[in-house]
Amino acid sequence: MSSYSLVARGSIIALVGLFIVQGTPVGQRLTRDWSAGRSSDDILYGETSPFQSASFKDVDSLLQSSGNMTQVSVAETFEHKVKKGTTLASLWRDIKGAPRAVSSFVSAFSHKHPKLKAGEVVSVTRKGDEVVELRRELGQGATLIISGASDAGYVPRIEQASISTRHRQVTGTISSSLVSAANGLDVPYSVIDDFVDLFSARVEFQKDLQPGDTFTVTYDERVLESGKVLETGSITSASLFLSGEMFAVVRDVAPDGTVRYFDEKGEMPTKAFLRYPVQFTRIGSVFSHARFHPILKVSRPHNGVDFSAPIGTPVRTVGDGVVVYSGYSASTGYMVRIAHSSQYTTEYMHLSKIAPAAKKGARVNRGSVIGALGNTGLSTGPHLHFGLFDRGKYVDPMKAKIIQTAPEMKAPKAVLAAIAEMKKTHKELALTTGNGVKKRA
């Protein structure tokens, strides 16, 4: 077969497609002939060939128009990380927004919304050369959405996701420490810290916990419909099973809104001072009767414990009391002193600022934030100096156990039911861990 015939056959295939798409009579006839098995040469050159009457001018026109089809732009969405020093105008430039629309974008973005922060991520959707949408998370399930086009302008709207509160229950077995076991089950550090506070009067976590001991904790979570956790709330119940003995606390809210906790016996436990005034920290310097002062260059008593943490870390009072001093001095920097009873007083030095709730004469509750950790006064670095007085004399805060008695009160039925459920859980765990035989010393 000649090369000319090969070209002819190829032409037939292309033209068949064109005619069929157009739905012409020629195309319909050609299809019938091809189905009947006629050769390409007959179809092209035979007396009954449909191309004898075909208008190739129409075909040329069709080919030309097919090259002018409108190109459809595909939307592309990407994330952009805000750099330090970024302004709204420079953000618009970074995401390649049209220069003529910068004022419209800035106006839509800046209305009653927080300023840009370095490190935050925004989602950008582009269509061709246009930015058609920008999404920015505002927190608490709210999203700022800016949409539009460079010619028409941009408008903002707030999209609020549905938020619900749920109880999350976690059960675990301790292998090395409570922190590692709980954190391995995705329990937030804030919940772990509250857990320790609830049991600190009866359990010494550094020495009482052993491998195989078990724990439970149930706490509130505020979540989006997607399941994303926005924030964690209060512990509603918690328990520890240590070498055969269970310790438990259950949260209850009285009709007047007062929050109280009951123990495994259905009684209100004694209320101990918090062990640490700062969460998630380390001890930089311990209580000492003779410590070399790094600034004064002399040996002198160190009447307290230094907790090292970043500036701005919240500082909380370790017990209920009344603020008897709130102010500044050259040596202590910003300081708060709280009287908890006629016997005990605590002090908190080198704060970067004092909370409005910690003014002199104010009544504060155990765990209330009274200021922020700082580096004021005679301080060589960011830390909190925490001191404890017992009848006007300094004592070591890490060794003293201070108990504030609680009133007698009968536990509600819901509390007793929660305690029974925790006991059942620990019995089931004991069957798998072998724990629960020996009693705690």
Protein backbone atom coordinates (compact mmCIF):
# COMPACT_ATOMS: atom_id res chain seq x y z
CA MET A 1 0.00 0.00 0.00
CA SER A 2 1.35 3.42 -0.99
CA SER A 3 2.22 6.08 1.57
CA TYR A 4 -0.49 8.15 -0.06
CA SER A 5 -3.09 5.54 0.84
CA LEU A 6 -1.83 5.48 4.44
CA VAL A 7 -2.27 9.20 4.63
CA ALA A 8 -5.72 8.84 3.14
CA ARG A 9 -6.73 6.29 5.73
CA GLY A 10 -5.50 8.59 8.50
CA SER A 11 -7.45 11.44 7.02
CA ILE A 12 -10.60 9.32 7.02
CA ILE A 13 -10.28 8.69 10.75
CA ALA A 14 -9.83 12.40 11.52
CA LEU A 15 -12.67 13.47 9.25
CA VAL A 16 -15.00 10.79 10.59
CA GLY A 17 -14.55 12.25 14.04
CA LEU A 18 -15.24 15.79 12.84
CA PHE A 19 -18.37 14.88 10.90
CA ILE A 20 -19.77 12.67 13.62
CA VAL A 21 -19.27 15.41 16.22
CA GLN A 22 -21.07 17.87 13.97
CA GLY A 23 -23.88 15.29 13.36
CA THR A 24 -23.90 15.96 9.59
CA PRO A 25 -25.62 13.64 7.08
CA VAL A 26 -22.22 13.01 5.53
CA GLY A 27 -20.93 11.86 8.87
CA GLN A 28 -23.89 9.56 9.35
CA ARG A 29 -23.48 8.04 5.88
CA LEU A 30 -19.76 7.62 6.36
CA THR A 31 -20.36 5.72 9.56
CA ARG A 32 -22.75 3.33 7.82
CA ASP A 33 -20.27 2.71 4.99
CA TRP A 34 -17.45 2.05 7.40
CA SER A 35 -19.58 -0.38 9.37
CA ALA A 36 -20.40 -2.22 6.10
CA GLY A 37 -16.70 -2.95 5.69
CA ARG A 38 -15.97 -0.86 2.63
CA SER A 39 -12.31 -0.18 1.95
CA SER A 40 -10.81 3.21 2.60
CA ASP A 41 -10.07 3.69 -1.06
CA ASP A 42 -13.74 3.16 -2.02
CA ILE A 43 -14.87 5.49 0.68
CA LEU A 44 -12.44 8.16 -0.51
CA TYR A 45 -12.63 7.77 -4.27
CA GLY A 46 -15.68 5.60 -5.11
CA GLU A 47 -18.67 6.88 -6.99
CA THR A 48 -20.79 6.67 -3.88
CA SER A 49 -18.17 8.28 -1.64
CA PRO A 50 -19.79 10.78 0.78
CA PHE A 51 -16.81 13.07 0.22
CA GLN A 52 -17.90 13.69 -3.34
CA SER A 53 -20.50 16.12 -1.98
CA ALA A 54 -18.78 17.19 1.23
CA SER A 55 -17.90 20.84 1.68
CA PHE A 56 -14.24 20.94 2.67
CA LYS A 57 -14.66 24.64 3.27
CA ASP A 58 -16.90 23.73 6.18
CA VAL A 59 -14.30 21.27 7.43
CA ASP A 60 -11.56 23.91 7.32
CA SER A 61 -13.82 26.29 9.23
CA LEU A 62 -14.47 23.61 11.84
CA LEU A 63 -10.76 22.93 12.27
CA GLN A 64 -10.03 26.63 12.75
CA SER A 65 -12.78 27.09 15.34
CA SER A 66 -11.56 24.09 17.35
CA GLY A 67 -8.28 25.88 17.99
CA ASN A 68 -10.04 28.82 19.57
CA MET A 69 -11.74 26.94 22.43
CA THR A 70 -11.98 28.89 25.71
CA GLN A 71 -9.40 27.83 28.29
CA VAL A 72 -11.06 27.03 31.67
CA SER A 73 -9.00 28.12 34.71
CA VAL A 74 -8.63 25.56 37.46
CA ALA A 75 -8.75 26.74 41.07
CA GLU A 76 -5.59 26.11 43.07
CA THR A 77 -5.50 26.19 46.88
CA PHE A 78 -2.29 26.46 48.88
CA GLU A 79 -1.12 27.45 52.38
CA HIS A 80 0.99 30.51 53.08
CA LYS A 81 3.02 30.99 56.28
CA VAL A 82 3.19 34.57 57.53
CA LYS A 83 6.72 35.88 58.06
CA LYS A 84 7.90 38.26 60.75
CA GLY A 85 7.20 41.89 59.84
CA THR A 86 4.52 41.01 57.28
CA THR A 87 1.90 43.71 56.69
CA LEU A 88 -1.44 43.24 54.98
CA ALA A 89 -0.09 44.93 51.87
CA SER A 90 3.02 42.74 51.78
CA LEU A 91 0.86 39.64 52.41
CA TRP A 92 -1.20 40.54 49.34
CA ARG A 93 1.99 40.87 47.34
CA ASP A 94 3.37 37.56 48.70
CA ILE A 95 0.27 35.64 47.57
CA LYS A 96 0.47 37.41 44.17
CA GLY A 97 -2.73 39.39 44.45
CA ALA A 98 -3.51 41.95 41.75
CA PRO A 99 -1.85 45.29 42.73
CA ARG A 100 -4.97 47.30 41.81
CA ALA A 101 -7.01 45.40 44.45
CA VAL A 102 -4.68 45.82 47.44
CA SER A 103 -6.79 48.51 49.14
CA SER A 104 -9.96 46.42 48.83
CA PHE A 105 -8.17 43.40 50.31
CA VAL A 106 -6.63 45.38 53.19
CA SER A 107 -10.01 46.91 54.05
CA ALA A 108 -11.72 43.50 54.05
CA PHE A 109 -8.99 41.84 56.13
CA SER A 110 -8.39 44.44 58.81
CA HIS A 111 -11.94 45.17 59.97
CA LYS A 112 -12.20 44.19 63.67
CA HIS A 113 -9.83 41.21 63.34
CA PRO A 114 -6.55 40.45 65.17
CA LYS A 115 -3.33 41.63 63.54
CA LEU A 116 -1.13 39.22 61.62
CA LYS A 117 1.23 37.10 63.69
CA ALA A 118 4.49 35.59 62.50
CA GLY A 119 4.12 31.86 61.96
CA GLU A 120 0.37 31.77 61.42
CA VAL A 121 -0.86 30.03 58.28
CA VAL A 122 -3.54 31.27 55.89
CA SER A 123 -5.18 29.28 53.10
CA VAL A 124 -5.25 30.94 49.66
CA THR A 125 -7.26 29.95 46.58
CA ARG A 126 -6.21 31.29 43.19
CA LYS A 127 -7.98 30.92 39.85
CA GLY A 128 -5.75 31.84 36.97
CA ASP A 129 -4.17 35.21 37.82
CA GLU A 130 -6.75 36.04 40.48
CA VAL A 131 -6.88 35.46 44.22
CA VAL A 132 -10.50 34.44 44.72
CA GLU A 133 -10.46 33.48 48.41
CA LEU A 134 -8.35 33.68 51.56
CA ARG A 135 -9.20 31.82 54.77
CA ARG A 136 -7.80 32.66 58.21
CA GLU A 137 -8.50 30.77 61.43
CA LEU A 138 -9.55 33.16 64.22
CA GLY A 139 -9.85 30.55 66.98
CA GLN A 140 -12.82 29.02 68.79
CA GLY A 141 -14.07 27.55 65.52
CA ALA A 142 -14.36 30.91 63.73
CA THR A 143 -12.86 31.43 60.26
CA LEU A 144 -12.41 34.73 58.44
CA ILE A 145 -13.15 34.26 54.72
CA ILE A 146 -12.26 36.99 52.23
CA SER A 147 -13.61 36.38 48.73
CA GLY A 148 -14.04 38.31 45.49
CA ALA A 149 -12.05 39.44 42.48
CA SER A 150 -9.69 42.31 41.69
CA ASP A 151 -12.25 44.19 39.55
CA ALA A 152 -15.31 43.64 41.75
CA GLY A 153 -13.43 43.99 45.06
CA TYR A 154 -13.20 41.78 48.13
CA VAL A 155 -15.64 41.28 51.00
CA PRO A 156 -15.17 39.52 54.39
CA ARG A 157 -17.44 37.14 56.22
CA ILE A 158 -17.11 35.04 59.38
CA GLU A 159 -17.89 31.33 59.26
CA GLN A 160 -18.61 29.87 62.71
CA ALA A 161 -18.28 26.12 63.03
CA SER A 162 -20.55 24.16 65.36
CA ILE A 163 -18.91 23.49 68.74
CA SER A 164 -19.94 20.86 71.27
CA THR A 165 -18.68 19.69 74.65
CA ARG A 166 -17.92 16.04 75.27
CA HIS A 167 -16.47 13.95 78.09
CA ARG A 168 -13.31 12.08 77.24
CA GLN A 169 -12.46 9.07 79.42
CA VAL A 170 -8.91 7.67 79.46
CA THR A 171 -7.67 4.55 81.23
CA GLY A 172 -4.00 3.66 81.39
CA THR A 173 -1.29 1.60 83.02
CA ILE A 174 1.89 3.19 84.37
CA SER A 175 5.19 1.75 83.21
CA SER A 176 7.68 4.50 84.07
CA SER A 177 5.73 7.60 85.12
CA LEU A 178 2.23 9.02 85.11
CA VAL A 179 3.27 11.80 82.73
CA SER A 180 4.65 9.44 80.06
CA ALA A 181 1.71 7.04 80.37
CA ALA A 182 -0.95 9.77 80.16
CA ASN A 183 0.82 11.72 77.44
CA GLY A 184 1.15 8.52 75.42
CA LEU A 185 -2.66 8.37 75.46
CA ASP A 186 -2.89 11.98 74.18
CA VAL A 187 -3.89 13.44 77.54
CA PRO A 188 -2.85 17.15 77.47
CA TYR A 189 -0.24 18.41 79.94
CA SER A 190 -2.79 20.80 81.44
CA VAL A 191 -5.00 17.86 82.41
CA ILE A 192 -2.02 15.91 83.80
CA ASP A 193 -1.07 18.89 85.94
CA ASP A 194 -4.63 19.20 87.31
CA PHE A 195 -4.61 15.45 87.97
CA VAL A 196 -1.47 15.80 90.10
CA ASP A 197 -2.99 18.74 91.98
CA LEU A 198 -6.09 16.71 92.88
CA PHE A 199 -4.05 13.92 94.48
CA SER A 200 -1.01 15.83 95.78
CA ALA A 201 -2.28 15.80 99.39
CA ARG A 202 -2.40 11.99 99.51
CA VAL A 203 0.05 10.74 96.89
CA GLU A 204 3.75 11.49 96.40
CA PHE A 205 4.12 10.95 92.69
CA GLN A 206 7.90 10.63 92.75
CA LYS A 207 7.96 7.56 95.02
CA ASP A 208 4.45 6.12 95.47
CA LEU A 209 3.80 5.13 91.83
CA GLN A 210 5.08 1.74 90.64
CA PRO A 211 5.04 -0.05 87.27
CA GLY A 212 1.67 -1.73 86.83
CA ASP A 213 -0.31 0.88 88.77
CA THR A 214 -3.34 2.11 86.85
CA PHE A 215 -5.22 5.37 86.48
CA THR A 216 -8.40 6.80 84.98
CA VAL A 217 -9.30 10.36 84.12
CA THR A 218 -12.40 11.90 82.58
CA TYR A 219 -12.37 15.51 81.45
CA ASP A 220 -14.29 17.93 79.25
CA GLU A 221 -13.31 18.81 75.69
CA ARG A 222 -14.74 21.47 73.38
CA VAL A 223 -14.66 20.04 69.85
CA LEU A 224 -15.65 20.94 66.30
CA GLU A 225 -17.85 18.74 64.11
CA SER A 226 -14.68 17.46 62.45
CA GLY A 227 -13.49 16.13 65.81
CA LYS A 228 -10.73 18.73 66.20
CA VAL A 229 -10.23 19.66 69.87
CA LEU A 230 -10.38 23.40 70.52
CA GLU A 231 -9.62 23.30 74.24
CA THR A 232 -9.78 21.08 77.29
CA GLY A 233 -11.77 21.82 80.40
CA SER A 234 -12.09 20.57 83.95
CA ILE A 235 -11.51 17.04 85.20
CA THR A 236 -14.88 15.50 86.12
CA SER A 237 -13.43 12.35 87.72
CA ALA A 238 -10.03 10.74 88.25
CA SER A 239 -8.57 7.77 90.07
CA LEU A 240 -5.31 6.00 90.90
CA PHE A 241 -4.96 2.33 91.80
CA LEU A 242 -1.67 1.96 93.68
CA SER A 243 -0.64 -1.53 94.78
CA GLY A 244 -4.17 -2.59 95.61
CA GLU A 245 -5.58 0.69 96.95
CA MET A 246 -7.76 3.09 95.00
CA PHE A 247 -7.70 6.86 95.37
CA ALA A 248 -10.42 8.80 93.58
CA VAL A 249 -11.89 12.26 93.14
CA VAL A 250 -15.23 13.18 91.53
CA ARG A 251 -16.25 16.71 90.62
CA ASP A 252 -19.69 17.99 91.57
CA VAL A 253 -21.32 21.38 91.03
CA ALA A 254 -23.71 22.53 93.75
CA PRO A 255 -27.02 24.27 92.89
CA ASP A 256 -25.41 27.64 93.71
CA GLY A 257 -22.55 26.96 91.25
CA THR A 258 -19.95 26.02 93.85
CA VAL A 259 -17.51 23.37 92.62
CA ARG A 260 -16.48 20.65 95.09
CA TYR A 261 -14.68 17.31 94.88
CA PHE A 262 -15.45 14.05 96.70
CA ASP A 263 -13.02 11.20 97.35
CA GLU A 264 -13.38 7.42 97.00
CA LYS A 265 -15.27 7.28 100.31
CA GLY A 266 -17.84 9.81 99.16
CA GLU A 267 -16.34 12.44 101.46
CA MET A 268 -14.87 15.85 100.71
CA PRO A 269 -11.09 15.38 101.01
CA THR A 270 -8.83 17.74 102.87
CA LYS A 271 -7.62 20.56 100.68
CA ALA A 272 -3.82 20.66 100.53
CA PHE A 273 -1.68 23.48 99.21
CA LEU A 274 -0.61 23.03 95.63
CA ARG A 275 2.91 21.64 95.47
CA TYR A 276 4.01 23.94 92.65
CA PRO A 277 3.02 27.58 91.97
CA VAL A 278 4.12 27.24 88.33
CA GLN A 279 3.09 24.51 85.90
CA PHE A 280 5.49 22.59 83.62
CA THR A 281 8.73 23.91 85.07
CA ARG A 282 11.96 22.89 86.74
CA ILE A 283 13.54 23.81 90.08
CA GLY A 284 16.54 26.05 89.53
CA SER A 285 17.58 26.57 93.14
CA VAL A 286 16.43 24.87 96.35
CA PHE A 287 15.80 26.12 99.87
CA SER A 288 19.11 26.71 101.66
CA HIS A 289 20.41 28.33 104.85
CA ALA A 290 23.60 29.44 103.06
CA ARG A 291 23.68 30.01 99.29
CA PHE A 292 26.18 32.15 97.37
CA HIS A 293 24.20 35.01 95.83
CA PRO A 294 25.25 35.44 92.16
CA ILE A 295 24.65 39.22 92.15
CA LEU A 296 25.58 40.30 95.68
CA LYS A 297 28.58 37.91 95.69
CA VAL A 298 28.00 36.90 99.31
CA SER A 299 26.68 33.80 101.05
CA ARG A 300 23.23 34.27 102.49
CA PRO A 301 20.15 32.15 103.22
CA HIS A 302 17.98 31.25 100.25
CA ASN A 303 14.59 31.33 101.93
CA GLY A 304 12.57 29.66 99.23
CA VAL A 305 12.64 27.69 95.99
CA ASP A 306 13.37 29.07 92.52
CA PHE A 307 11.26 27.77 89.64
CA SER A 308 12.78 28.35 86.19
CA ALA A 309 10.39 28.97 83.31
CA PRO A 310 9.92 31.43 80.40
CA ILE A 311 8.95 35.01 81.14
CA GLY A 312 5.17 35.36 81.11
CA THR A 313 4.46 31.88 82.51
CA PRO A 314 1.36 32.16 84.75
CA VAL A 315 2.03 32.08 88.51
CA ARG A 316 -0.75 30.77 90.74
CA THR A 317 -1.40 30.91 94.46
CA VAL A 318 -0.94 27.55 96.18
CA GLY A 319 -3.89 28.01 98.55
CA ASP A 320 -6.91 30.11 99.50
CA GLY A 321 -6.02 33.37 101.20
CA VAL A 322 -5.90 37.16 101.29
CA VAL A 323 -3.29 39.33 99.53
CA VAL A 324 -1.35 41.25 102.21
CA TYR A 325 1.29 42.77 99.91
CA SER A 326 1.30 43.58 96.20
CA GLY A 327 4.01 45.84 94.83
CA TYR A 328 7.62 46.41 93.76
CA SER A 329 10.98 46.68 95.51
CA ALA A 330 14.55 46.84 94.20
CA SER A 331 15.48 43.41 95.56
CA THR A 332 12.32 41.37 95.04
CA GLY A 333 11.05 43.07 91.90
CA TYR A 334 7.29 42.70 91.52
CA MET A 335 6.07 40.59 94.45
CA VAL A 336 2.84 39.27 95.91
CA ARG A 337 2.47 37.97 99.49
CA ILE A 338 -0.61 36.01 100.58
CA ALA A 339 -1.79 35.12 104.08
CA HIS A 340 -3.55 31.75 104.11
CA SER A 341 -4.22 31.61 107.85
CA SER A 342 -2.77 32.92 111.08
CA GLN A 343 -0.03 30.29 110.61
CA TYR A 344 0.91 30.22 106.91
CA THR A 345 1.93 32.91 104.40
CA THR A 346 3.43 32.55 100.92
CA GLU A 347 5.35 35.00 98.73
CA TYR A 348 6.03 35.17 94.99
CA MET A 349 9.00 37.27 93.78
CA HIS A 350 10.55 38.58 90.52
CA LEU A 351 7.23 38.69 88.66
CA SER A 352 7.07 40.43 85.29
CA LYS A 353 3.62 41.72 86.22
CA ILE A 354 0.96 41.38 88.90
CA ALA A 355 -2.55 40.27 87.97
CA PRO A 356 -5.40 42.77 88.63
CA ALA A 357 -7.04 40.13 90.86
CA ALA A 358 -4.01 40.18 93.20
CA LYS A 359 -4.31 43.70 94.57
CA LYS A 360 -3.70 44.22 98.29
CA GLY A 361 -6.74 43.12 100.30
CA ALA A 362 -8.13 40.85 97.55
CA ARG A 363 -9.29 37.32 98.38
CA VAL A 364 -7.84 34.64 96.12
CA ASN A 365 -8.60 30.95 95.68
CA ARG A 366 -6.21 28.02 95.40
CA GLY A 367 -4.91 27.92 91.81
CA SER A 368 -5.86 31.52 90.96
CA VAL A 369 -3.37 33.30 88.69
CA ILE A 370 -1.78 36.16 90.63
CA GLY A 371 0.85 37.26 88.11
CA ALA A 372 3.38 36.26 85.47
CA LEU A 373 6.89 34.89 85.95
CA GLY A 374 9.60 37.43 85.23
CA ASN A 375 13.14 38.66 85.81
CA THR A 376 12.68 41.78 87.94
CA GLY A 377 14.68 42.89 90.99
CA LEU A 378 17.92 41.10 91.93
CA SER A 379 17.49 38.29 89.44
CA THR A 380 20.02 36.70 87.08
CA GLY A 381 17.44 35.10 84.80
CA PRO A 382 13.74 34.38 84.35
CA HIS A 383 12.41 32.54 87.41
CA LEU A 384 9.94 32.63 90.28
CA HIS A 385 11.19 32.75 93.85
CA PHE A 386 8.57 31.02 95.99
CA GLY A 387 8.73 31.37 99.77
CA LEU A 388 6.67 29.92 102.65
CA PHE A 389 6.30 31.26 106.18
CA ASP A 390 5.19 29.13 109.14
CA ARG A 391 4.26 31.47 111.99
CA GLY A 392 6.53 34.17 110.57
CA LYS A 393 9.52 31.87 109.97
CA TYR A 394 10.74 30.69 106.57
CA VAL A 395 10.40 26.94 105.97
CA ASP A 396 11.15 24.72 102.96
CA PRO A 397 8.05 24.75 100.69
CA MET A 398 8.99 21.40 99.15
CA LYS A 399 8.98 19.57 102.50
CA ALA A 400 6.03 21.21 104.22
CA LYS A 401 2.60 19.55 103.92
CA ILE A 402 -0.13 22.07 104.54
CA ILE A 403 -3.70 20.88 104.87
CA GLN A 404 -6.83 23.02 104.84
CA THR A 405 -9.72 21.04 106.31
CA ALA A 406 -12.91 20.65 104.31
CA PRO A 407 -16.48 20.67 105.65
CA GLU A 408 -18.41 17.42 106.08
CA MET A 409 -20.88 16.87 103.26
CA LYS A 410 -22.83 13.94 101.87
CA ALA A 411 -21.95 12.93 98.34
CA PRO A 412 -24.72 13.06 95.70
CA LYS A 413 -25.87 9.78 94.09
CA ALA A 414 -24.16 10.66 90.81
CA VAL A 415 -20.83 10.95 92.62
CA LEU A 416 -21.25 7.56 94.30
CA ALA A 417 -22.14 5.99 90.94
CA ALA A 418 -18.97 7.43 89.36
CA ILE A 419 -16.86 6.05 92.22
CA ALA A 420 -18.39 2.59 91.79
CA GLU A 421 -17.68 2.67 88.05
CA MET A 422 -14.02 3.57 88.64
CA LYS A 423 -13.65 0.69 91.11
CA LYS A 424 -15.06 -1.67 88.50
CA THR A 425 -12.63 -0.38 85.87
CA HIS A 426 -9.61 -0.90 88.12
CA LYS A 427 -10.74 -4.44 89.00
CA GLU A 428 -10.91 -5.27 85.31
CA LEU A 429 -7.46 -3.79 84.75
CA ALA A 430 -6.07 -5.76 87.69
CA LEU A 431 -6.99 -8.99 85.92
CA THR A 432 -4.71 -8.08 83.01
CA THR A 433 -1.85 -6.42 84.93
CA GLY A 434 -1.70 -8.67 88.00
CA ASN A 435 -1.87 -5.59 90.20
CA GLY A 436 -4.16 -5.43 93.20
CA VAL A 437 -2.68 -8.13 95.46
CA LYS A 438 -0.35 -6.34 97.81
CA LYS A 439 -1.34 -3.38 99.91
CA ARG A 440 0.42 -0.04 99.76
CA ALA A 441 2.81 0.47 102.65
